[in-house]
C-alpha cells in the first residue's frame, strides 16, 4: 500500500503538462503534444515505448483528422514530454511537405520514409517545388539550445526531488492511516465484546421472565380448573357456544386461505404462460434474423466470387515441443466486392487453443478493418510451430493501386533460409498486385516478435485491445508487452524496398536479444 501511494504521488509530480501543450492518450500511453498539432485531431497513434503510462524514448507519432492521416513525426519523449523533435511530414495543398528544424520542403511521395508512407495515399500527382535551403544555425543558436537543454535537465531533477519528497510524505501519511485503522479495529473489538455481554444479560433476563410467565400460566390453569369444577350448567353451555364460535372462525379462515392459494397458483400459471410465449417470440425473431444474415452472407459470397482473390501468404519452421505459435490467413471482402487477404501470426497452448484464438483474432480484426470489410470465410491455420520462438509479420504497400499485401511466419535459427522465403513471397505478391520494375512500392513495416507461454494474450482479450484502422494485428493482439517485438527501422529507412532482408532480420533480433531467455529462439 505504501508503494502504491508513493507511485501515485510520483506520477502526479511528473505528469504536469508543459506550457503550450495538450495532454493526449495514444494506444494507452499519455504524451504532451504542441496544442496546434493536437487541435482538431480525431485520433493519435504512438509506436514507441510506454513507461509508467507515459511515452518514453524515440518513436513515431501519427495524428489523424476526420479519420485520415494528417501528420507523422519521429520524436523522442521523456516522461511523456518532448525531449527532442525529429522530422515531421504532412500534406499541404495535395503535396507532401517535410519539416526539419523549422525548414519546410515539398517532397515527392517516393521520398517519404517508411514510417510516413501512409501519407503517400493523399499525395496528388504533380511536380514538387523546392524551397530555398536555410543557412545552418549560428553558434549563438547552438549555445541557446544547449542552455535550454541544461535548463530542462535541471527542471527534471527538481521535479524528481519534489516527487521523492511527496513520496516520503505519502509514506508518512500511510503509516498514520494504518495506526488509526489499528486503533479503530481495537475499539470495534471492545464494542463487540460489550455488545456480547449486554446480549447475554438480556438473554438471562428473558429466560427469567419466561419462567415467571410459565408459573403464572400454571397458576391461571389451576384456577381455571377449579372454576370449571365448580361451574354449573350455565358455564358448560357458555363453553359449548364458545367452542362452536371458534370452530366457525377456524373454518372461515381455512376457506379464505384456500381462495388465496388458488389465486396465487392461477397468477403463477399466467406468468409462466407469458414467459413461454415471450421466449417463443424471441426464438422466432432470432431465427428470422439468422436467416436474413445467412442470406446476406450468401449474397456477399456470390458477389465476391467474380472479384480477384488476393491471398495472404505465410511460411514457418516446425520448432520444438508442443504447438505454441502458428501462421493464420483469412480473407475479408469489402462492400465493393474486393477481396483482401491477410496473413498474421497467432499464439495458443496447443492446437485446439491456436485454432480458437485464430477465429477470435479474425473476428476482432473484422470489427476494426480499415476498409469496413467482412470475413468471407473462417481463418485457416496454415502451419504450427512448436515451443517458444520468433514470429515475423510484414505489410507491403502499393500506393499506385491503394492496396496492401501481408505475409507472416515462424522463424527459427536459419536466418538465411527465412530471408529466402520472404523474398519468394515478395516476388509472388508483386505478381498478385501487378507491380512493374518502375512502379513505386515499399515495406510499411516488418516486425519480429518473441512468443512464449508467459507473454501471450488469450482470445477473450482481443476485443479489448483492438483499435480502428488496426495495422499489424498479430503484434497488437497476441503480444502483451512492448518489449516482445522490434522493427528493423535502420535498414528499412535506408532501403524502403528492403533488399537486404538478412540484415533486417538480424537487426530486429539483436534488439530483442537481451530480453530473449533462450538466446536463439
Protein backbone atom coordinates (compact mmCIF):
# COMPACT_ATOMS: atom_id res chain seq x y z
CA UNK A 1 0.00 0.00 0.00
CA UNK A 2 2.85 2.41 0.84
CA UNK A 3 4.50 1.64 -2.51
CA UNK A 4 1.26 2.29 -4.43
CA UNK A 5 0.74 5.70 -2.77
CA UNK A 6 4.37 6.68 -3.49
CA UNK A 7 3.98 5.72 -7.13
CA UNK A 8 0.76 7.76 -7.47
CA UNK A 9 2.39 10.84 -5.92
CA UNK A 10 5.49 10.45 -8.12
CA UNK A 11 3.32 10.05 -11.24
CA UNK A 12 1.34 13.19 -10.35
CA UNK A 13 4.57 15.20 -9.94
CA UNK A 14 5.95 14.10 -13.31
CA UNK A 15 2.73 14.46 -15.33
CA UNK A 16 2.48 18.30 -15.32
CA UNK A 17 1.66 19.45 -18.89
CA UNK A 18 4.28 21.96 -20.21
CA UNK A 19 3.01 25.35 -21.35
CA UNK A 20 1.63 25.40 -24.89
CA UNK A 21 1.00 21.62 -24.94
CA UNK A 22 -2.05 19.39 -24.72
CA UNK A 23 -2.23 16.04 -22.92
CA UNK A 24 -3.41 13.22 -25.24
CA UNK A 25 -3.64 9.44 -24.99
CA UNK A 26 -2.31 7.28 -27.84
CA UNK A 27 -2.53 3.47 -27.71
CA UNK A 28 -2.99 3.60 -23.90
CA UNK A 29 0.08 5.88 -23.44
CA UNK A 30 -0.05 9.56 -22.37
CA UNK A 31 2.05 12.19 -24.12
CA UNK A 32 2.11 16.00 -24.42
CA UNK A 33 1.94 17.44 -27.94
CA UNK A 34 2.03 21.09 -29.10
CA UNK A 35 -1.53 22.38 -28.84
CA UNK A 36 -1.51 23.38 -32.51
CA UNK A 37 -0.68 19.78 -33.58
CA UNK A 38 -3.28 18.16 -31.28
CA UNK A 39 -6.08 20.60 -32.11
CA UNK A 40 -8.79 19.01 -34.26
CA UNK A 41 -7.24 15.52 -34.04
CA UNK A 42 -9.76 12.66 -34.20
CA UNK A 43 -7.19 10.00 -33.22
CA UNK A 44 -3.48 9.87 -32.29
CA UNK A 45 -1.17 6.80 -32.51
CA UNK A 46 2.22 6.20 -30.74
CA UNK A 47 4.63 3.46 -31.91
CA UNK A 48 7.30 3.84 -29.22
CA UNK A 49 7.74 2.52 -25.67
CA UNK A 50 5.40 3.36 -22.77
CA UNK A 51 6.94 3.70 -19.29
CA UNK A 52 4.68 4.18 -16.24
CA UNK A 53 1.83 5.11 -18.59
CA UNK A 54 3.88 7.87 -20.35
CA UNK A 55 5.57 7.90 -23.76
CA UNK A 56 9.31 7.30 -23.38
CA UNK A 57 12.16 7.13 -25.89
CA UNK A 58 12.11 7.58 -29.65
CA UNK A 59 9.10 6.62 -31.74
CA UNK A 60 6.60 7.75 -34.35
CA UNK A 61 3.53 9.94 -33.62
CA UNK A 62 0.67 9.68 -36.14
CA UNK A 63 -2.12 12.31 -35.99
CA UNK A 64 -5.44 11.65 -37.76
CA UNK A 65 -8.10 14.24 -38.59
CA UNK A 66 -11.62 13.20 -39.67
CA UNK A 67 -10.39 9.59 -39.95
CA UNK A 68 -7.48 10.43 -42.33
CA UNK A 69 -3.77 10.67 -41.60
CA UNK A 70 -2.83 14.37 -41.20
CA UNK A 71 0.70 14.47 -39.72
CA UNK A 72 3.51 11.98 -38.97
CA UNK A 73 6.59 12.85 -36.90
CA UNK A 74 9.56 10.99 -35.39
CA UNK A 75 10.03 12.35 -31.84
CA UNK A 76 11.94 11.48 -28.65
CA UNK A 77 9.92 11.68 -25.37
CA UNK A 78 10.93 11.64 -21.71
CA UNK A 79 8.13 11.02 -19.19
CA UNK A 80 5.56 11.96 -21.86
CA UNK A 81 7.24 15.29 -22.72
CA UNK A 82 9.06 16.07 -25.97
CA UNK A 83 12.82 15.82 -25.37
CA UNK A 84 13.97 16.03 -28.99
CA UNK A 85 11.86 16.72 -32.08
CA UNK A 86 12.88 14.97 -35.27
CA UNK A 87 11.48 15.17 -38.77
CA UNK A 88 7.75 15.73 -39.37
CA UNK A 89 5.74 15.13 -42.53
CA UNK A 90 2.28 16.38 -43.55
CA UNK A 91 0.16 17.09 -46.66
CA UNK A 92 -0.33 20.68 -47.79
CA UNK A 93 -2.22 21.52 -50.97
CA UNK A 94 -2.10 17.87 -52.07
CA UNK A 95 1.72 17.77 -51.74
CA UNK A 96 3.90 16.04 -49.15
CA UNK A 97 5.89 18.50 -47.00
CA UNK A 98 8.88 17.73 -44.76
CA UNK A 99 9.56 19.88 -41.67
CA UNK A 100 13.15 19.54 -40.43
CA UNK A 101 14.28 22.03 -37.71
CA UNK A 102 11.76 24.64 -38.93
CA UNK A 103 12.64 24.18 -42.64
CA UNK A 104 9.61 23.14 -44.69
CA UNK A 105 10.32 21.46 -48.02
CA UNK A 106 7.94 19.89 -50.54
CA UNK A 107 8.99 16.34 -51.45
CA UNK A 108 7.79 13.51 -53.70
CA UNK A 109 5.83 10.55 -52.29
CA UNK A 110 8.78 8.27 -53.07
CA UNK A 111 10.96 10.37 -50.70
CA UNK A 112 8.71 9.67 -47.70
CA UNK A 113 10.43 7.46 -45.06
CA UNK A 114 8.89 4.06 -44.34
CA UNK A 115 7.15 5.23 -41.17
CA UNK A 116 5.41 8.08 -43.09
CA UNK A 117 4.31 6.09 -46.18
CA UNK A 118 0.64 6.28 -45.12
CA UNK A 119 0.70 9.96 -46.26
CA UNK A 120 1.52 8.75 -49.80
CA UNK A 121 -2.17 7.83 -50.29
CA UNK A 122 -3.07 11.57 -50.11
CA UNK A 123 -0.34 12.99 -52.42
CA UNK A 124 -1.54 14.45 -55.73
CA UNK A 125 0.45 13.69 -58.91
CA UNK A 126 2.21 17.00 -59.72
CA UNK A 127 5.76 18.43 -59.78
CA UNK A 128 7.44 19.23 -56.48
CA UNK A 129 8.50 22.80 -55.77
CA UNK A 130 11.65 23.17 -53.71
CA UNK A 131 12.03 25.86 -51.05
CA UNK A 132 15.43 27.58 -50.77
CA UNK A 133 17.70 25.95 -48.25
CA UNK A 134 18.11 27.65 -44.91
CA UNK A 135 21.60 28.59 -43.66
CA UNK A 136 22.98 26.45 -40.82
CA UNK A 137 22.22 27.62 -37.28
CA UNK A 138 24.62 30.18 -35.79
CA UNK A 139 26.90 29.47 -32.83
CA UNK A 140 24.60 31.70 -30.73
CA UNK A 141 21.65 29.47 -31.61
CA UNK A 142 23.64 26.37 -30.65
CA UNK A 143 24.55 27.95 -27.29
CA UNK A 144 20.92 28.90 -26.68
CA UNK A 145 19.80 25.36 -27.48
CA UNK A 146 22.39 23.95 -25.04
CA UNK A 147 21.28 26.38 -22.32
CA UNK A 148 17.65 25.36 -22.90
CA UNK A 149 18.61 21.67 -22.65
CA UNK A 150 20.54 22.29 -19.41
CA UNK A 151 17.56 24.18 -18.01
CA UNK A 152 15.22 21.34 -18.92
CA UNK A 153 17.57 18.84 -17.22
CA UNK A 154 17.66 20.98 -14.06
CA UNK A 155 13.87 21.21 -14.07
CA UNK A 156 13.63 17.44 -14.42
CA UNK A 157 15.98 16.97 -11.43
CA UNK A 158 13.92 19.41 -9.36
CA UNK A 159 10.75 17.55 -10.33
CA UNK A 160 12.38 14.26 -9.30
CA UNK A 161 13.41 15.71 -5.90
CA UNK A 162 9.88 17.06 -5.37
CA UNK A 163 8.42 13.66 -6.32
CA UNK A 164 10.70 11.91 -3.79
CA UNK A 165 9.65 14.42 -1.14
CA UNK A 166 5.99 13.83 -1.86
CA UNK A 167 6.58 10.06 -1.84
CA UNK A 168 8.11 10.33 1.67
CA UNK A 169 5.12 12.40 2.81
CA UNK A 170 2.78 9.79 1.33
CA UNK A 171 4.58 7.03 3.26
CA UNK A 172 4.24 9.03 6.48
CA UNK A 173 0.52 9.58 5.85
CA UNK A 174 0.10 5.87 5.08
CA UNK A 175 1.75 4.97 8.42
CA UNK A 176 -0.59 7.35 10.27
CA UNK A 177 -3.59 5.89 8.43
CA UNK A 178 -2.50 2.36 9.44
CA UNK A 179 -2.18 3.41 13.10
CA UNK A 180 -5.65 4.95 13.03
CA UNK A 181 -7.04 1.82 11.38
CA UNK A 182 -5.47 -0.40 14.10
CA UNK A 183 -7.00 1.87 16.76
CA UNK A 184 -10.43 1.59 15.13
CA UNK A 185 -10.09 -2.20 14.97
CA UNK A 186 -9.30 -2.31 18.74
CA UNK A 187 -12.25 -0.03 19.51
CA UNK A 188 -14.57 -2.13 17.33
CA UNK A 189 -13.38 -5.28 19.12
CA UNK A 190 -14.08 -3.74 22.58
CA UNK A 191 -17.52 -2.58 21.41
CA UNK A 192 -18.29 -6.07 20.10
CA UNK A 193 -17.30 -7.63 23.47
CA UNK A 194 -19.52 -5.11 25.32
CA UNK A 195 -22.43 -5.83 22.98
CA UNK A 196 -21.98 -9.59 23.52
CA UNK A 197 -22.05 -9.09 27.32
CA UNK A 198 -25.21 -6.99 27.10
CA UNK A 199 -26.84 -9.60 24.83
CA UNK A 200 -26.04 -12.34 27.40
CA UNK A 201 -27.59 -10.23 30.18
CA UNK A 202 -30.70 -9.69 28.08
CA UNK A 203 -30.91 -13.43 27.37
CA UNK A 204 -30.77 -14.28 31.10
CA UNK A 205 -33.44 -11.65 31.82
CA UNK A 206 -35.65 -13.09 29.07
CA UNK A 207 -35.29 -16.63 30.49
CA UNK A 208 -36.24 -15.31 33.95
CA UNK A 209 -39.27 -13.56 32.50
CA UNK A 210 -40.28 -16.73 30.65
CA UNK A 211 -40.02 -18.75 33.88
CA UNK A 212 -42.21 -16.19 35.66
CA UNK A 213 -44.76 -16.26 32.85
CA UNK A 214 -44.86 -20.08 32.96
CA UNK A 215 -45.51 -20.03 36.70
CA UNK A 216 -48.31 -17.50 36.22
CA UNK A 217 -49.74 -19.59 33.40
CA UNK A 218 -49.77 -22.71 35.59
CA UNK A 219 -51.45 -20.76 38.37
CA UNK A 220 -54.07 -19.49 35.93
CA UNK A 221 -54.64 -23.01 34.59
CA UNK A 222 -55.13 -24.30 38.15
CA UNK A 223 -57.61 -21.50 38.90
CA UNK A 224 -59.46 -22.26 35.67
CA UNK A 225 -59.61 -25.96 36.56
CA UNK A 226 -61.00 -25.10 39.97
CA UNK A 227 -63.56 -22.78 38.36
CA UNK A 228 -64.60 -25.46 35.87
CA UNK A 229 -65.01 -27.97 38.69
CA UNK A 230 -67.32 -25.57 40.47
CA UNK A 231 -69.13 -24.38 37.36
CA UNK A 232 -72.82 -25.06 36.86
CA UNK A 233 -74.78 -25.94 33.73
CA UNK A 234 -74.69 -22.33 32.51
CA UNK A 235 -70.89 -22.43 32.44
CA UNK A 236 -70.95 -25.67 30.39
CA UNK A 237 -73.38 -24.12 27.89
CA UNK A 238 -71.26 -20.99 27.56
CA UNK A 239 -68.21 -23.15 26.90
CA UNK A 240 -70.08 -25.05 24.18
CA UNK A 241 -71.15 -21.81 22.47
CA UNK A 242 -67.57 -20.53 22.62
CA UNK A 243 -66.26 -23.77 21.09
CA UNK A 244 -68.76 -23.60 18.22
CA UNK A 245 -67.81 -19.97 17.58
CA UNK A 246 -64.11 -20.90 17.49
CA UNK A 247 -64.81 -23.80 15.09
CA UNK A 248 -66.74 -21.47 12.76
CA UNK A 249 -63.90 -18.92 12.80
CA UNK A 250 -61.35 -21.63 12.04
CA UNK A 251 -63.44 -22.94 9.08
CA UNK A 252 -63.79 -19.41 7.69
CA UNK A 253 -60.01 -18.89 7.94
CA UNK A 254 -59.36 -22.19 6.12
CA UNK A 255 -61.73 -21.25 3.28
CA UNK A 256 -60.06 -17.83 2.94
CA UNK A 257 -56.60 -19.47 2.79
CA UNK A 258 -57.80 -21.88 0.10
CA UNK A 259 -59.14 -19.00 -2.05
CA UNK A 260 -55.84 -17.06 -1.71
CA UNK A 261 -53.76 -20.16 -2.59
CA UNK A 262 -55.90 -20.77 -5.69
CA UNK A 263 -55.46 -17.12 -6.82
CA UNK A 264 -51.70 -17.34 -6.29
CA UNK A 265 -51.47 -20.56 -8.35
CA UNK A 266 -53.51 -19.02 -11.18
CA UNK A 267 -51.30 -15.89 -11.23
CA UNK A 268 -48.13 -18.04 -11.32
CA UNK A 269 -49.55 -20.11 -14.18
CA UNK A 270 -50.37 -16.92 -16.11
CA UNK A 271 -46.81 -15.62 -15.62
CA UNK A 272 -45.32 -18.93 -16.82
CA UNK A 273 -47.58 -18.89 -19.89
CA UNK A 274 -46.50 -15.31 -20.69
CA UNK A 275 -42.80 -16.20 -20.23
CA UNK A 276 -43.21 -19.19 -22.57
CA UNK A 277 -44.90 -17.01 -25.19
CA UNK A 278 -42.19 -14.33 -24.90
CA UNK A 279 -39.43 -16.95 -25.23
CA UNK A 280 -41.09 -18.39 -28.35
CA UNK A 281 -41.44 -14.93 -29.87
CA UNK A 282 -37.76 -14.16 -29.17
CA UNK A 283 -36.67 -17.50 -30.66
CA UNK A 284 -38.79 -16.86 -33.78
CA UNK A 285 -37.27 -13.35 -34.13
CA UNK A 286 -33.72 -14.74 -33.74
CA UNK A 287 -34.42 -17.44 -36.32
CA UNK A 288 -35.64 -14.77 -38.74
CA UNK A 289 -32.53 -12.60 -38.15
CA UNK A 290 -30.22 -15.62 -38.54
CA UNK A 291 -31.93 -16.48 -41.82
CA UNK A 292 -31.55 -12.91 -43.12
CA UNK A 293 -27.87 -12.86 -42.04
CA UNK A 294 -27.23 -16.18 -43.82
CA UNK A 295 -28.92 -14.89 -46.98
CA UNK A 296 -26.89 -11.66 -46.83
CA UNK A 297 -23.60 -13.61 -46.37
CA UNK A 298 -24.52 -15.88 -49.29
CA UNK A 299 -25.19 -12.80 -51.42
CA UNK A 300 -21.81 -11.29 -50.43
CA UNK A 301 -20.01 -14.54 -51.28
CA UNK A 302 -21.84 -14.72 -54.62
CA UNK A 303 -20.96 -11.09 -55.47
CA UNK A 304 -17.32 -11.60 -54.43
CA UNK A 305 -16.91 -14.84 -56.39
CA UNK A 306 -16.06 -12.94 -59.60
CA UNK A 307 -13.63 -10.49 -57.88
CA UNK A 308 -9.88 -11.20 -57.98
CA UNK A 309 -8.69 -13.09 -54.91
CA UNK A 310 -5.62 -11.68 -53.16
CA UNK A 311 -4.25 -14.29 -50.77
CA UNK A 312 -2.35 -13.65 -47.55
CA UNK A 313 0.92 -15.60 -47.54
CA UNK A 314 2.90 -17.38 -44.84
CA UNK A 315 5.85 -19.61 -44.06
CA UNK A 316 7.15 -21.41 -40.95
CA UNK A 317 9.53 -23.89 -39.35
CA UNK A 318 8.34 -26.75 -37.17
CA UNK A 319 10.03 -25.76 -33.89
CA UNK A 320 10.49 -27.99 -30.86
CA UNK A 321 7.84 -29.09 -28.32
CA UNK A 322 4.06 -28.67 -28.24
CA UNK A 323 2.50 -26.12 -30.67
CA UNK A 324 2.69 -22.58 -29.27
CA UNK A 325 2.87 -20.38 -32.40
CA UNK A 326 1.09 -20.55 -35.75
CA UNK A 327 0.62 -18.67 -39.02
CA UNK A 328 -3.02 -17.91 -39.87
CA UNK A 329 -4.58 -16.50 -43.05
CA UNK A 330 -8.08 -15.21 -43.67
CA UNK A 331 -9.92 -13.25 -46.35
CA UNK A 332 -12.17 -10.21 -45.97
CA UNK A 333 -14.45 -8.72 -48.62
CA UNK A 334 -15.34 -5.02 -48.96
CA UNK A 335 -18.75 -3.57 -49.79
CA UNK A 336 -17.49 -3.14 -53.38
CA UNK A 337 -16.74 -6.88 -53.66
CA UNK A 338 -12.93 -6.53 -53.40
CA UNK A 339 -11.23 -9.39 -51.55
CA UNK A 340 -8.39 -8.70 -49.10
CA UNK A 341 -6.05 -11.48 -47.97
CA UNK A 342 -4.46 -11.12 -44.53
CA UNK A 343 -1.59 -13.18 -43.11
CA UNK A 344 -0.58 -12.81 -39.46
CA UNK A 345 0.51 -14.92 -36.51
CA UNK A 346 -1.41 -16.26 -33.52
CA UNK A 347 -0.42 -17.99 -30.27
CA UNK A 348 -2.00 -20.60 -28.01
CA UNK A 349 -1.14 -23.53 -25.75
CA UNK A 350 -1.85 -26.46 -28.06
CA UNK A 351 -3.52 -26.87 -31.44
CA UNK A 352 -7.10 -26.50 -30.10
CA UNK A 353 -6.32 -23.20 -28.39
CA UNK A 354 -4.47 -21.96 -31.50
CA UNK A 355 -7.49 -22.68 -33.73
CA UNK A 356 -9.90 -20.98 -31.28
CA UNK A 357 -7.60 -17.94 -30.97
CA UNK A 358 -7.27 -17.73 -34.78
CA UNK A 359 -11.08 -17.44 -35.11
CA UNK A 360 -11.24 -14.85 -32.31
CA UNK A 361 -8.39 -12.78 -33.86
CA UNK A 362 -10.03 -12.78 -37.32
CA UNK A 363 -13.41 -11.74 -35.85
CA UNK A 364 -11.80 -8.91 -33.85
CA UNK A 365 -9.88 -7.69 -36.92
CA UNK A 366 -13.14 -7.70 -38.92
CA UNK A 367 -14.64 -5.21 -36.42
CA UNK A 368 -11.79 -2.70 -36.89
CA UNK A 369 -10.95 -3.26 -40.58
CA UNK A 370 -9.74 -0.02 -42.29
CA UNK A 371 -12.00 -0.87 -45.27
CA UNK A 372 -15.07 -1.88 -43.17
CA UNK A 373 -14.67 -5.33 -44.70
CA UNK A 374 -16.37 -8.55 -43.56
CA UNK A 375 -14.97 -12.05 -43.18
CA UNK A 376 -15.53 -14.02 -46.36
CA UNK A 377 -14.65 -17.34 -44.71
CA UNK A 378 -13.26 -18.71 -41.45
CA UNK A 379 -9.46 -18.36 -40.94
CA UNK A 380 -7.05 -21.15 -41.86
CA UNK A 381 -4.08 -22.22 -39.74
CA UNK A 382 -1.52 -22.93 -42.46
CA UNK A 383 1.37 -24.01 -40.22
CA UNK A 384 2.02 -24.54 -36.48
CA UNK A 385 5.37 -24.09 -34.76
CA UNK A 386 6.38 -25.79 -31.52
CA UNK A 387 7.68 -24.14 -28.37
CA UNK A 388 8.64 -20.50 -27.75
CA UNK A 389 10.41 -18.59 -30.51
CA UNK A 390 10.35 -15.78 -33.07
CA UNK A 391 7.45 -14.77 -35.33
CA UNK A 392 7.51 -12.43 -38.34
CA UNK A 393 4.78 -10.15 -39.74
CA UNK A 394 5.10 -7.64 -42.59
CA UNK A 395 2.90 -5.36 -44.66
CA UNK A 396 3.90 -4.10 -48.11
CA UNK A 397 2.15 -1.05 -49.57
CA UNK A 398 1.40 -0.44 -53.26
CA UNK A 399 0.29 3.26 -53.38
CA UNK A 400 -0.44 3.21 -57.10
CA UNK A 401 -3.30 0.72 -56.52
CA UNK A 402 -4.07 1.87 -52.94
CA UNK A 403 -3.55 -1.72 -51.80
CA UNK A 404 -1.61 -3.62 -49.13
CA UNK A 405 -0.13 -7.11 -49.11
CA UNK A 406 0.56 -9.19 -45.96
CA UNK A 407 2.82 -12.11 -45.09
CA UNK A 408 3.73 -13.79 -41.79
CA UNK A 409 5.66 -16.75 -40.48
CA UNK A 410 7.53 -18.58 -37.70
CA UNK A 411 11.31 -18.14 -37.70
CA UNK A 412 13.96 -20.43 -36.27
CA UNK A 413 17.77 -20.39 -36.34
CA UNK A 414 18.08 -20.40 -40.15
CA UNK A 415 18.03 -16.65 -40.84
CA UNK A 416 19.26 -17.07 -44.44
CA UNK A 417 16.50 -19.57 -45.15
CA UNK A 418 13.89 -17.24 -43.66
CA UNK A 419 15.17 -14.31 -45.77
CA UNK A 420 14.94 -16.52 -48.89
CA UNK A 421 11.32 -17.50 -48.02
CA UNK A 422 10.41 -13.81 -47.53
CA UNK A 423 11.94 -12.93 -50.92
CA UNK A 424 9.89 -15.66 -52.64
CA UNK A 425 6.69 -14.39 -51.01
CA UNK A 426 7.57 -10.81 -52.02
CA UNK A 427 8.01 -11.90 -55.67
CA UNK A 428 4.63 -13.66 -55.57
CA UNK A 429 2.92 -10.55 -54.15
CA UNK A 430 4.33 -8.41 -56.96
CA UNK A 431 2.53 -10.72 -59.38
CA UNK A 432 -0.69 -10.52 -57.34
CA UNK A 433 -0.66 -6.72 -57.35
CA UNK A 434 0.81 -6.37 -60.89
CA UNK A 435 3.85 -4.37 -59.75
CA UNK A 436 6.23 -3.32 -62.55
CA UNK A 437 10.01 -2.68 -62.32
CA UNK A 438 9.31 1.08 -62.36
CA UNK A 439 6.24 1.22 -60.07
CA UNK A 440 6.60 2.51 -56.53
CA UNK A 441 6.12 0.09 -53.63
CA UNK A 442 7.70 -0.30 -50.20
CA UNK A 443 7.61 -2.17 -46.89
CA UNK A 444 5.36 -0.27 -44.49
CA UNK A 445 6.68 -2.38 -41.63
CA UNK A 446 8.44 -5.67 -40.85
CA UNK A 447 8.07 -6.80 -37.23
CA UNK A 448 9.95 -9.54 -35.35
CA UNK A 449 8.22 -10.78 -32.17
CA UNK A 450 9.13 -13.31 -29.49
CA UNK A 451 6.34 -15.61 -28.22
CA UNK A 452 6.45 -17.62 -25.01
CA UNK A 453 3.80 -19.01 -22.65
CA UNK A 454 4.16 -16.15 -20.15
CA UNK A 455 3.57 -13.32 -22.61
CA UNK A 456 0.66 -14.26 -24.92
CA UNK A 457 -2.84 -12.84 -24.77
CA UNK A 458 -5.94 -15.02 -24.58
CA UNK A 459 -8.72 -14.76 -27.14
CA UNK A 460 -11.01 -13.07 -24.57
CA UNK A 461 -8.64 -10.03 -24.56
CA UNK A 462 -8.66 -9.41 -28.33
CA UNK A 463 -11.75 -7.12 -28.30
CA UNK A 464 -10.18 -5.05 -25.50
CA UNK A 465 -7.00 -4.20 -27.41
CA UNK A 466 -8.48 -3.89 -30.94
CA UNK A 467 -8.40 -0.35 -32.38
CA UNK A 468 -9.97 1.13 -35.59
CA UNK A 469 -7.74 1.04 -38.69
CA UNK A 470 -5.54 -1.56 -36.99
CA UNK A 471 -2.15 -2.42 -38.50
CA UNK A 472 -0.07 -5.47 -37.53
CA UNK A 473 -2.96 -7.47 -35.98
CA UNK A 474 -0.71 -10.28 -34.75
CA UNK A 475 1.66 -7.93 -32.90
CA UNK A 476 -1.16 -5.89 -31.27
CA UNK A 477 -3.47 -8.74 -30.29
CA UNK A 478 -1.04 -11.58 -29.50
CA UNK A 479 1.97 -9.97 -27.78
CA UNK A 480 1.05 -8.45 -24.41
CA UNK A 481 4.23 -6.42 -23.73
CA UNK A 482 6.03 -3.78 -25.86
CA UNK A 483 9.42 -5.43 -25.22
CA UNK A 484 8.28 -8.61 -27.03
CA UNK A 485 8.65 -7.10 -30.55
CA UNK A 486 11.03 -4.94 -32.61
CA UNK A 487 11.35 -3.49 -36.12
CA UNK A 488 14.35 -3.24 -38.43
CA UNK A 489 13.91 0.55 -38.67
CA UNK A 490 17.53 1.32 -39.55
CA UNK A 491 17.63 -1.00 -42.56
CA UNK A 492 14.09 -0.11 -43.68
CA UNK A 493 14.70 3.67 -43.56
CA UNK A 494 17.80 3.34 -45.73
CA UNK A 495 16.24 0.71 -48.02
CA UNK A 496 12.42 1.18 -48.38
CA UNK A 497 12.18 -1.84 -50.68
CA UNK A 498 14.06 -3.92 -48.10
CA UNK A 499 16.53 -5.62 -50.41
CA UNK A 500 18.83 -6.75 -47.58
CA UNK A 501 16.40 -8.96 -45.68
CA UNK A 502 19.10 -10.82 -43.75
CA UNK A 503 20.37 -7.53 -42.26
CA UNK A 504 16.80 -6.56 -41.38
CA UNK A 505 16.14 -9.82 -39.52
CA UNK A 506 19.45 -9.64 -37.65
CA UNK A 507 18.87 -6.02 -36.59
CA UNK A 508 15.41 -6.78 -35.12
CA UNK A 509 16.68 -9.95 -33.39
CA UNK A 510 19.60 -8.00 -31.88
CA UNK A 511 17.10 -5.56 -30.31
CA UNK A 512 15.22 -8.49 -28.75
CA UNK A 513 18.32 -10.49 -27.71
CA UNK A 514 18.68 -9.15 -24.09
CA UNK A 515 15.01 -9.98 -23.50
CA UNK A 516 15.08 -13.44 -25.16
CA UNK A 517 15.70 -16.07 -22.42
CA UNK A 518 16.53 -18.77 -25.00
CA UNK A 519 19.24 -16.77 -26.78
CA UNK A 520 18.47 -18.09 -30.27
CA UNK A 521 14.70 -18.70 -30.47
